[in-house]
Amino acid sequence: MTSRQSTATLAASGGGTIRRTRLAGGLRIVTETMPGVRSASIGIWVGVGSRDEAPSVAGASHFLEHLLFKGTASRSALDIASAMDAVGGEFNAFTEKEHTCFYATVLDQELPLAIEMICDVVLNATVTAADVDIERTVVLEEIAMRDDDPADLVHDEFSLGLFGDSPLGRPILGTETSISTLSRTQVHGYYSRRYRPQDMVVAVAGNIDHHEVVKRVRAAFAGCLPDEAEPTPLRPNRGAERGPRQRVRVVSDDTEQANIMLGTTALSRFDERRFVLGVLSSAVGGGMSSRLFQQIREQRGLAYSTYSFSSSYAGDGMFAAYAGCQPGKAEEVVQIMSDILDSVARHGLDADEVERGKGQLRGGMVLGLEDSGSRMTRIGKAELSFGDVLGLDELLSRIDAVDQRQVNDLAAELLARPRCLTVVGPFAERDFGG
């Protein structure tokens, strides 16, 4: 079957337009116009992340993210940095469990340069042995920095406790052992196999013209696009990673604060109830009126930071509550967190809590989309993750459609599941019944 270039259009918020074009080589280009702004953001989203790594190459996706900035066939690392600095642009990247994104934000008039630069970096990196050795030290320092930040470390340790030594459980950064042993051959082979146009989405937002973007992206990918190819299918919605693998996980660390996470497995990103979960999470720990904030911080003054969050992947997800407190208050905080989750599971949330949760979710979504970078992120991630981009009005309508019964039914299902308690601080496993 021949796959020809195709373009679709839908209305966006604020008078803008979202357009999607699929090139014959399987590359997808999605843009959102933002009338009245003078910036433009481009991101190349690659459908590969730490979940795709075998244990022998753990951390390769993130390591490769670093290496692609070290130089291409036509540009050195200094050339890349100097060109973006000269136009006041931002050029960076990040790696997640299921994708990697390389992005740039510039003045709208500098978008042609940004497209050329970011495509060159993603498509033509040299990944030399010398650069691998240099950047290996940088990544090891990043791992050490994570280990020195217990508020950051507790997230990785919670994933490990919940999903175990599985692709979802392992840290994005890899480990000291895996990074120390990764060779240039392994990393370059990973790059060659995984970074294919049909695995990518190019997302652009701001004061831009869709047809001009498509023309420039097609030119930048010249010679890299297969003659005919379909976009890589969405990740399979695999069965859940049955968790938690550990009911209690304590990381002994001589810190001034205990960092606590208590949670369970949750929903796949393909589950239509993800909007219900968003409302539930907002009500439980998303704002100053939430139960976590009121009972832990306002009423008892036990923590400065406390919140809940959810993350969804293909086939699985997580929901958790977090708090940071003095070590001597840790047991009390764990008990309060557990009581809150138990109460919501058994009795649900009242109508006012649900409405406040919906308001938090709506407001956070709209206010978080005020700049071209956030718009680019939304449309790029949606196209890569779902194969479609919903307009903001459609997203808001799905939040508005959530009702109290749906929230409480989901709370009864999720919050009654076995939980993983993860604590980073000056403790031993036995301190929490492990």
Protein backbone atom coordinates (compact mmCIF):
# COMPACT_ATOMS: atom_id res chain seq x y z
CA MET A 1 0.00 0.00 0.00
CA THR A 2 1.33 3.44 -0.91
CA SER A 3 1.32 6.07 1.84
CA ARG A 4 1.16 9.55 0.35
CA GLN A 5 1.57 12.87 2.13
CA SER A 6 -1.61 13.91 3.91
CA THR A 7 -2.65 16.98 5.91
CA ALA A 8 -5.48 17.52 8.39
CA THR A 9 -6.63 20.70 10.14
CA LEU A 10 -8.53 21.48 13.35
CA ALA A 11 -9.25 24.63 15.32
CA ALA A 12 -7.08 25.47 18.32
CA SER A 13 -7.65 27.90 21.18
CA GLY A 14 -7.05 31.64 20.90
CA GLY A 15 -7.82 31.79 17.18
CA GLY A 16 -5.00 29.42 16.25
CA THR A 17 -5.04 26.32 14.11
CA ILE A 18 -3.55 22.86 14.58
CA ARG A 19 -2.44 21.11 11.41
CA ARG A 20 -1.05 17.61 10.96
CA THR A 21 0.91 16.39 7.95
CA ARG A 22 2.24 12.89 7.41
CA LEU A 23 5.02 12.57 4.86
CA ALA A 24 5.33 9.56 2.60
CA GLY A 25 8.33 8.35 4.62
CA GLY A 26 6.24 8.02 7.78
CA LEU A 27 7.42 11.25 9.45
CA ARG A 28 4.65 13.21 11.15
CA ILE A 29 4.63 17.00 11.40
CA VAL A 30 2.14 18.76 13.66
CA THR A 31 1.93 22.52 14.17
CA GLU A 32 -0.13 25.02 16.15
CA THR A 33 -0.32 28.67 15.16
CA MET A 34 -0.41 31.22 17.98
CA PRO A 35 -1.46 34.64 16.67
CA GLY A 36 0.09 37.54 18.51
CA VAL A 37 3.26 35.87 19.82
CA ARG A 38 6.78 36.49 18.48
CA SER A 39 8.31 33.16 19.45
CA ALA A 40 8.41 29.73 17.87
CA SER A 41 9.24 26.35 19.38
CA ILE A 42 10.21 23.16 17.59
CA GLY A 43 10.57 19.71 19.08
CA ILE A 44 11.55 16.41 17.54
CA TRP A 45 9.84 13.67 19.54
CA VAL A 46 11.41 10.23 19.20
CA GLY A 47 9.39 7.22 20.31
CA VAL A 48 12.15 5.67 22.35
CA GLY A 49 12.89 5.90 26.06
CA SER A 50 14.23 3.96 29.00
CA ARG A 51 11.37 1.45 28.73
CA ASP A 52 12.90 0.23 25.46
CA GLU A 53 16.27 -0.67 26.94
CA ALA A 54 17.57 -4.11 27.77
CA PRO A 55 19.31 -4.26 31.18
CA SER A 56 22.68 -4.42 29.40
CA VAL A 57 22.14 -0.94 27.92
CA ALA A 58 20.20 0.64 30.80
CA GLY A 59 20.42 4.43 30.51
CA ALA A 60 21.27 4.36 26.78
CA SER A 61 18.35 6.59 25.74
CA HIS A 62 19.37 9.34 28.15
CA PHE A 63 23.09 8.87 27.40
CA LEU A 64 22.34 9.25 23.70
CA GLU A 65 20.35 12.43 24.39
CA HIS A 66 23.57 13.94 25.76
CA LEU A 67 25.75 12.66 22.94
CA LEU A 68 23.68 14.10 20.10
CA PHE A 69 24.69 17.60 21.22
CA LYS A 70 28.40 16.76 20.95
CA GLY A 71 28.59 17.31 17.21
CA THR A 72 27.41 16.30 13.75
CA ALA A 73 29.13 15.67 10.44
CA SER A 74 29.08 19.42 9.73
CA ARG A 75 28.96 21.09 13.17
CA SER A 76 31.02 20.81 16.34
CA ALA A 77 29.45 21.09 19.79
CA LEU A 78 30.75 24.66 19.98
CA ASP A 79 29.23 25.47 16.58
CA ILE A 80 25.85 24.25 17.80
CA ALA A 81 26.01 26.19 21.08
CA SER A 82 27.34 29.38 19.44
CA ALA A 83 24.67 29.44 16.73
CA MET A 84 21.82 29.20 19.24
CA ASP A 85 23.39 31.67 21.68
CA ALA A 86 23.84 34.18 18.85
CA VAL A 87 20.07 34.36 18.33
CA GLY A 88 19.14 34.13 22.02
CA GLY A 89 17.57 30.72 21.60
CA GLU A 90 17.08 27.84 24.01
CA PHE A 91 18.19 24.40 22.84
CA ASN A 92 17.79 21.36 25.06
CA ALA A 93 16.40 17.84 25.40
CA PHE A 94 14.87 15.42 27.88
CA THR A 95 14.32 11.69 28.15
CA GLU A 96 11.32 9.92 29.66
CA LYS A 97 10.23 6.30 30.03
CA GLU A 98 8.65 6.11 26.57
CA HIS A 99 10.06 8.98 24.52
CA THR A 100 12.91 11.43 24.04
CA CYS A 101 12.45 15.04 22.94
CA PHE A 102 14.93 17.52 21.45
CA TYR A 103 13.58 21.06 21.40
CA ALA A 104 14.43 24.67 20.66
CA THR A 105 12.64 27.98 21.29
CA VAL A 106 13.63 31.06 19.30
CA LEU A 107 12.29 34.35 17.96
CA ASP A 108 9.87 33.55 15.15
CA GLN A 109 12.26 34.95 12.53
CA GLU A 110 14.93 32.45 13.61
CA LEU A 111 12.75 29.37 13.15
CA PRO A 112 14.49 28.32 9.90
CA LEU A 113 17.79 28.16 11.80
CA ALA A 114 16.21 26.20 14.64
CA ILE A 115 14.70 23.67 12.24
CA GLU A 116 18.01 23.18 10.46
CA MET A 117 19.97 22.86 13.70
CA ILE A 118 17.69 20.47 15.55
CA CYS A 119 17.23 18.20 12.54
CA ASP A 120 21.00 18.09 12.01
CA VAL A 121 21.59 17.14 15.65
CA VAL A 122 18.95 14.39 15.67
CA LEU A 123 19.77 12.92 12.26
CA ASN A 124 23.51 13.41 11.77
CA ALA A 125 25.23 13.04 15.16
CA THR A 126 28.68 11.45 14.95
CA VAL A 127 28.68 9.77 18.40
CA THR A 128 32.45 9.36 18.54
CA ALA A 129 34.30 7.16 21.02
CA ALA A 130 35.99 10.23 22.50
CA ASP A 131 32.64 11.93 23.08
CA VAL A 132 31.23 8.78 24.66
CA ASP A 133 34.06 8.74 27.19
CA ILE A 134 33.70 12.46 27.98
CA GLU A 135 29.93 12.37 28.33
CA ARG A 136 30.05 9.18 30.39
CA THR A 137 31.62 11.24 33.20
CA VAL A 138 28.89 13.87 32.85
CA VAL A 139 26.11 11.30 33.12
CA LEU A 140 27.76 9.68 36.14
CA GLU A 141 27.83 13.13 37.77
CA GLU A 142 24.13 13.50 36.97
CA ILE A 143 23.43 10.18 38.69
CA ALA A 144 25.44 11.35 41.72
CA MET A 145 23.50 14.61 41.78
CA ARG A 146 20.21 12.67 41.73
CA ASP A 147 21.45 10.51 44.59
CA ASP A 148 22.29 13.66 46.57
CA ASP A 149 18.74 15.02 46.13
CA PRO A 150 16.42 12.79 48.17
CA ALA A 151 13.31 14.56 46.86
CA ASP A 152 14.36 13.47 43.37
CA LEU A 153 15.73 10.06 44.37
CA VAL A 154 12.49 9.00 46.05
CA HIS A 155 10.68 9.08 42.68
CA ASP A 156 13.09 6.61 41.10
CA GLU A 157 13.05 4.41 44.19
CA PHE A 158 9.25 4.42 44.25
CA SER A 159 9.13 3.26 40.60
CA LEU A 160 11.55 0.47 41.48
CA GLY A 161 9.46 -0.56 44.48
CA LEU A 162 6.24 -0.48 42.49
CA PHE A 163 7.36 -2.13 39.23
CA GLY A 164 10.53 -3.93 40.30
CA ASP A 165 13.48 -4.61 38.02
CA SER A 166 11.36 -4.16 34.90
CA PRO A 167 11.53 -1.63 32.04
CA LEU A 168 9.13 0.69 33.88
CA GLY A 169 10.84 0.20 37.22
CA ARG A 170 14.40 0.96 36.17
CA PRO A 171 15.66 4.57 36.35
CA ILE A 172 15.85 6.69 33.20
CA LEU A 173 19.44 7.66 34.01
CA GLY A 174 20.62 4.05 34.20
CA THR A 175 22.99 2.98 36.95
CA GLU A 176 26.63 3.64 37.67
CA THR A 177 27.42 0.12 36.50
CA SER A 178 25.46 0.27 33.25
CA ILE A 179 26.76 3.72 32.27
CA SER A 180 30.33 2.79 33.15
CA THR A 181 30.24 -0.22 30.83
CA LEU A 182 28.30 1.20 27.84
CA SER A 183 30.52 1.19 24.75
CA ARG A 184 30.49 3.43 21.71
CA THR A 185 29.42 0.45 19.62
CA GLN A 186 26.39 -0.19 21.84
CA VAL A 187 25.30 3.45 21.95
CA HIS A 188 25.78 4.07 18.23
CA GLY A 189 23.96 0.84 17.39
CA TYR A 190 21.06 1.94 19.59
CA TYR A 191 21.02 5.28 17.73
CA SER A 192 21.05 3.66 14.31
CA ARG A 193 18.24 1.24 15.14
CA ARG A 194 15.94 3.52 17.08
CA TYR A 195 16.19 6.97 15.48
CA ARG A 196 14.15 6.42 12.33
CA PRO A 197 11.83 9.05 10.75
CA GLN A 198 8.80 6.78 11.12
CA ASP A 199 9.48 6.73 14.89
CA MET A 200 9.47 10.55 15.07
CA VAL A 201 7.09 13.47 15.34
CA VAL A 202 8.16 17.04 14.53
CA ALA A 203 6.05 19.51 16.52
CA VAL A 204 6.17 23.29 16.01
CA ALA A 205 4.13 26.01 17.72
CA GLY A 206 4.12 29.80 17.73
CA ASN A 207 4.05 32.50 15.06
CA ILE A 208 4.57 30.03 12.25
CA ASP A 209 3.20 28.94 8.86
CA HIS A 210 2.46 25.23 8.57
CA HIS A 211 3.30 24.86 4.91
CA GLU A 212 6.63 26.65 5.35
CA VAL A 213 7.45 24.38 8.30
CA VAL A 214 6.64 21.26 6.27
CA LYS A 215 8.82 22.47 3.39
CA ARG A 216 11.81 23.15 5.65
CA VAL A 217 11.45 19.93 7.63
CA ARG A 218 11.19 17.89 4.43
CA ALA A 219 14.37 19.55 3.16
CA ALA A 220 16.18 18.88 6.45
CA PHE A 221 15.17 15.19 6.29
CA ALA A 222 16.16 14.86 2.62
CA GLY A 223 18.01 11.59 2.14
CA CYS A 224 16.79 10.24 5.49
CA LEU A 225 13.17 9.52 4.64
CA PRO A 226 12.32 6.05 3.35
CA ASP A 227 10.57 6.06 -0.04
CA GLU A 228 7.43 4.65 1.52
CA ALA A 229 6.79 3.90 5.19
CA GLU A 230 3.98 4.06 7.68
CA PRO A 231 4.46 5.72 11.07
CA THR A 232 5.47 3.22 13.72
CA PRO A 233 2.31 1.86 15.40
CA LEU A 234 1.45 3.05 18.88
CA ARG A 235 2.98 1.13 21.73
CA PRO A 236 0.90 -1.95 22.51
CA ASN A 237 -1.40 -1.51 25.49
CA ARG A 238 0.22 -4.39 27.34
CA GLY A 239 -1.18 -5.91 30.49
CA ALA A 240 -0.32 -4.21 33.74
CA GLU A 241 2.93 -4.79 35.60
CA ARG A 242 1.39 -6.41 38.66
CA GLY A 243 2.58 -4.44 41.64
CA PRO A 244 3.74 -3.46 44.01
CA ARG A 245 6.85 -5.62 43.83
CA GLN A 246 7.79 -4.29 47.30
CA ARG A 247 5.27 -3.19 49.91
CA VAL A 248 7.94 -1.22 51.81
CA ARG A 249 11.13 0.18 50.29
CA VAL A 250 13.47 2.18 52.53
CA VAL A 251 16.61 3.85 51.19
CA SER A 252 18.85 4.65 54.12
CA ASP A 253 20.34 8.11 53.68
CA ASP A 254 21.77 10.50 56.25
CA THR A 255 19.44 13.39 55.40
CA GLU A 256 17.79 16.17 57.38
CA GLN A 257 14.39 15.30 55.95
CA ALA A 258 12.39 12.17 55.29
CA ASN A 259 11.02 11.96 51.74
CA ILE A 260 7.96 9.75 51.56
CA MET A 261 5.89 8.34 48.69
CA LEU A 262 2.86 6.12 49.12
CA GLY A 263 0.96 4.86 46.11
CA THR A 264 -0.13 2.12 43.78
CA THR A 265 -0.50 1.08 40.17
CA ALA A 266 -3.01 3.09 38.17
CA LEU A 267 -4.28 3.56 34.60
CA SER A 268 -2.82 3.09 31.15
CA ARG A 269 -2.65 6.27 29.10
CA PHE A 270 -5.15 4.65 26.70
CA ASP A 271 -7.75 4.31 29.45
CA GLU A 272 -10.55 6.84 28.86
CA ARG A 273 -10.81 7.29 32.63
CA ARG A 274 -7.50 9.19 32.62
CA PHE A 275 -9.47 12.44 32.86
CA VAL A 276 -11.28 11.07 35.90
CA LEU A 277 -7.91 10.16 37.43
CA GLY A 278 -6.69 13.71 36.81
CA VAL A 279 -9.63 15.11 38.77
CA LEU A 280 -9.11 12.56 41.57
CA SER A 281 -5.42 13.44 41.88
CA SER A 282 -6.15 17.18 41.92
CA ALA A 283 -8.71 16.78 44.68
CA VAL A 284 -6.52 14.52 46.81
CA GLY A 285 -3.31 16.52 46.55
CA GLY A 286 -3.35 19.11 43.79
CA GLY A 287 -3.91 22.38 45.59
CA MET A 288 -4.09 24.20 48.91
CA SER A 289 -7.64 22.97 49.55
CA SER A 290 -6.72 19.33 48.86
CA ARG A 291 -6.89 16.74 51.60
CA LEU A 292 -3.14 16.16 51.70
CA PHE A 293 -2.31 19.86 51.96
CA GLN A 294 -4.99 20.60 54.54
CA GLN A 295 -4.37 17.65 56.85
CA ILE A 296 -0.57 17.41 56.65
CA ARG A 297 0.50 21.02 56.25
CA GLU A 298 -2.31 23.37 57.28
CA GLN A 299 -3.80 21.53 60.25
CA ARG A 300 -0.63 19.92 61.64
CA GLY A 301 2.32 21.75 60.10
CA LEU A 302 4.14 18.49 59.45
CA ALA A 303 5.47 19.24 55.97
CA TYR A 304 6.25 22.14 53.67
CA SER A 305 5.70 20.16 50.47
CA THR A 306 2.98 17.55 50.01
CA TYR A 307 1.08 16.60 46.87
CA SER A 308 -0.28 13.75 44.79
CA PHE A 309 0.36 12.90 41.14
CA SER A 310 -0.35 10.29 38.50
CA SER A 311 1.69 9.01 35.55
CA SER A 312 0.31 6.92 32.70
CA TYR A 313 2.15 4.68 30.26
CA ALA A 314 1.14 2.15 27.59
CA GLY A 315 -0.49 -0.60 29.62
CA ASP A 316 0.15 0.72 33.11
CA GLY A 317 0.49 3.74 35.34
CA MET A 318 0.93 4.95 38.89
CA PHE A 319 -0.77 7.15 41.45
CA ALA A 320 1.09 8.36 44.53
CA ALA A 321 1.13 10.85 47.36
CA TYR A 322 4.34 12.61 48.44
CA ALA A 323 5.44 14.46 51.57
CA GLY A 324 8.76 15.69 52.94
CA CYS A 325 9.02 16.02 56.71
CA GLN A 326 11.37 15.82 59.69
CA PRO A 327 12.53 12.21 60.24
CA GLY A 328 10.93 12.12 63.68
CA LYS A 329 7.53 12.89 62.13
CA ALA A 330 7.76 10.33 59.33
CA GLU A 331 5.61 7.61 60.92
CA GLU A 332 2.88 10.12 61.72
CA VAL A 333 2.92 11.49 58.16
CA VAL A 334 2.79 7.98 56.66
CA GLN A 335 -0.21 7.19 58.84
CA ILE A 336 -2.03 10.37 57.77
CA MET A 337 -1.33 9.71 54.10
CA SER A 338 -2.58 6.14 54.47
CA ASP A 339 -5.71 7.29 56.32
CA ILE A 340 -6.49 9.84 53.59
CA LEU A 341 -6.19 7.26 50.82
CA ASP A 342 -8.23 4.74 52.83
CA SER A 343 -10.96 7.30 53.48
CA VAL A 344 -11.21 8.37 49.83
CA ALA A 345 -11.31 4.72 48.77
CA ARG A 346 -14.12 3.87 51.18
CA HIS A 347 -16.17 7.05 51.27
CA GLY A 348 -15.17 8.96 48.16
CA LEU A 349 -14.94 12.71 47.69
CA ASP A 350 -17.82 15.11 48.19
CA ALA A 351 -19.26 17.15 45.33
CA ASP A 352 -17.39 20.33 46.28
CA GLU A 353 -14.04 18.51 46.31
CA VAL A 354 -14.71 17.08 42.86
CA GLU A 355 -15.63 20.49 41.47
CA ARG A 356 -12.50 22.05 42.95
CA GLY A 357 -10.47 19.21 41.47
CA LYS A 358 -11.96 19.88 38.05
CA GLY A 359 -11.23 23.58 38.43
CA GLN A 360 -7.62 22.85 39.38
CA LEU A 361 -7.18 20.60 36.37
CA ARG A 362 -8.79 23.07 33.94
CA GLY A 363 -6.85 26.03 35.26
CA GLY A 364 -3.54 24.19 35.29
CA MET A 365 -4.07 23.01 31.74
CA VAL A 366 -4.99 26.44 30.32
CA LEU A 367 -2.42 28.46 32.27
CA GLY A 368 0.25 25.95 31.36
CA LEU A 369 -0.30 26.61 27.65
CA GLU A 370 0.50 30.30 27.53
CA ASP A 371 3.81 29.99 25.64
CA SER A 372 4.93 28.34 22.42
CA GLY A 373 7.10 25.76 24.20
CA SER A 374 4.22 24.34 26.22
CA ARG A 375 1.96 24.26 23.15
CA MET A 376 4.66 22.43 21.18
CA THR A 377 5.03 19.92 24.01
CA ARG A 378 1.30 19.24 24.17
CA ILE A 379 0.79 18.59 20.48
CA GLY A 380 4.03 16.66 20.00
CA LYS A 381 3.45 14.34 22.94
CA ALA A 382 -0.20 13.80 21.97
CA GLU A 383 0.67 12.86 18.39
CA LEU A 384 3.41 10.48 19.49
CA SER A 385 1.43 8.92 22.35
CA PHE A 386 -2.09 8.77 20.87
CA GLY A 387 -1.67 9.27 17.13
CA ASP A 388 -4.01 12.25 17.38
CA VAL A 389 -4.15 15.77 18.81
CA LEU A 390 -7.25 16.99 20.62
CA GLY A 391 -8.03 20.69 20.64
CA LEU A 392 -7.93 22.46 23.99
CA ASP A 393 -11.70 22.96 23.97
CA GLU A 394 -12.19 19.20 23.54
CA LEU A 395 -9.82 18.49 26.43
CA LEU A 396 -11.68 20.95 28.66
CA SER A 397 -15.02 19.42 27.72
CA ARG A 398 -13.75 15.97 28.75
CA ILE A 399 -12.76 17.35 32.14
CA ASP A 400 -16.15 19.06 32.50
CA ALA A 401 -17.88 15.75 31.74
CA VAL A 402 -16.31 14.05 34.78
CA ASP A 403 -18.82 13.57 37.59
CA GLN A 404 -18.66 12.67 41.27
CA ARG A 405 -19.78 9.08 40.75
CA GLN A 406 -17.00 8.42 38.22
CA VAL A 407 -14.37 9.87 40.55
CA ASN A 408 -15.54 7.87 43.53
CA ASP A 409 -15.86 4.63 41.56
CA LEU A 410 -12.28 5.03 40.35
CA ALA A 411 -11.07 5.94 43.85
CA ALA A 412 -12.69 2.79 45.23
CA GLU A 413 -10.93 0.71 42.58
CA LEU A 414 -7.44 2.23 42.63
CA LEU A 415 -6.95 3.33 46.22
CA ALA A 416 -7.99 -0.06 47.60
CA ARG A 417 -5.15 -1.76 45.71
CA PRO A 418 -2.01 -2.91 47.55
CA ARG A 419 0.36 0.01 48.00
CA CYS A 420 4.06 0.65 47.90
CA LEU A 421 5.57 2.82 50.63
CA THR A 422 8.95 4.29 49.73
CA VAL A 423 11.01 6.35 52.18
CA VAL A 424 14.39 8.02 51.69
CA GLY A 425 15.97 9.12 54.95
CA PRO A 426 17.89 8.05 58.07
CA PHE A 427 15.94 4.83 58.58
CA ALA A 428 16.14 1.06 58.25
CA GLU A 429 13.53 -1.14 56.58
CA ARG A 430 12.22 -2.36 59.90
CA ASP A 431 11.32 1.19 60.94
CA PHE A 432 8.26 0.97 58.69
CA GLY A 433 7.33 -2.67 59.17
CA GLY A 434 9.36 -3.91 56.22
